[in-house]
């Protein structure tokens, strides 16, 4: 990989952008569902469950 050293350090110095609250809550819920399913829940089932709970989710 050829990345200029200066570009790397410029990128590294950038402030970390916090996630919007709704996205953070969605990610937290996805993690909970995955753990409860003993790490066996697939993406389609995950999206269906989240939609049942009222989240707006797209399956890409």
Protein backbone atom coordinates (compact mmCIF):
# COMPACT_ATOMS: atom_id res chain seq x y z
CA UNK A 1 0.00 0.00 0.00
CA UNK A 2 1.47 3.34 -0.91
CA UNK A 3 0.23 6.13 1.34
CA UNK A 4 2.31 9.21 1.85
CA UNK A 5 3.55 9.58 5.41
CA UNK A 6 2.20 13.13 5.70
CA UNK A 7 -1.25 12.04 4.54
CA UNK A 8 -1.33 9.30 7.14
CA UNK A 9 -0.43 11.64 9.97
CA UNK A 10 -2.97 14.24 8.77
CA UNK A 11 -5.65 11.55 8.86
CA UNK A 12 -4.52 10.31 12.27
CA UNK A 13 -4.71 13.83 13.76
CA UNK A 14 -8.34 14.32 12.77
CA UNK A 15 -10.85 14.43 15.59
CA UNK A 16 -13.02 11.37 16.05
CA UNK A 17 -16.58 12.11 15.00
CA UNK A 18 -19.18 10.77 17.43
CA UNK A 19 -21.97 8.63 16.02
CA UNK A 20 -25.43 10.12 15.95
CA UNK A 21 -27.46 8.91 18.93
CA UNK A 22 -29.91 6.92 16.83
CA UNK A 23 -27.13 5.06 15.04
CA UNK A 24 -25.36 4.31 18.33
CA UNK A 25 -28.60 2.92 19.80
CA UNK A 26 -29.19 0.82 16.67
CA UNK A 27 -25.68 -0.65 16.83
CA UNK A 28 -26.11 -1.42 20.53
CA UNK A 29 -29.42 -3.21 19.87
CA UNK A 30 -27.90 -5.17 16.98
CA UNK A 31 -25.09 -6.35 19.26
CA UNK A 32 -27.60 -7.40 21.93
CA UNK A 33 -29.71 -9.36 19.43
CA UNK A 34 -26.63 -11.08 18.03
CA UNK A 35 -25.45 -12.13 21.50
CA UNK A 36 -28.92 -13.37 22.53
CA UNK A 37 -29.07 -15.50 19.38
CA UNK A 38 -25.75 -17.11 20.41
CA UNK A 39 -24.14 -15.35 17.45
CA UNK A 40 -26.28 -17.15 14.91
CA UNK A 41 -28.66 -14.41 13.73
CA UNK A 42 -28.24 -13.59 10.05
CA UNK A 43 -28.69 -10.22 8.44
CA UNK A 44 -32.20 -10.85 7.09
CA UNK A 45 -33.51 -12.07 10.41
CA UNK A 46 -31.74 -9.19 12.18
CA UNK A 47 -33.35 -6.62 9.87
CA UNK A 48 -36.78 -8.22 10.30
CA UNK A 49 -36.48 -8.15 14.10
CA UNK A 50 -35.27 -4.55 14.12
CA UNK A 51 -38.15 -3.50 11.89
CA UNK A 52 -40.59 -5.24 14.25
CA UNK A 53 -39.12 -3.15 17.06
CA UNK A 54 -39.68 0.05 15.08
CA UNK A 55 -36.22 0.75 13.71
CA UNK A 56 -35.90 1.96 10.13
CA UNK A 57 -33.33 -0.32 8.52
CA UNK A 58 -32.29 -1.06 4.95
CA UNK A 59 -30.81 -4.39 3.90
CA UNK A 60 -27.98 -3.70 1.48
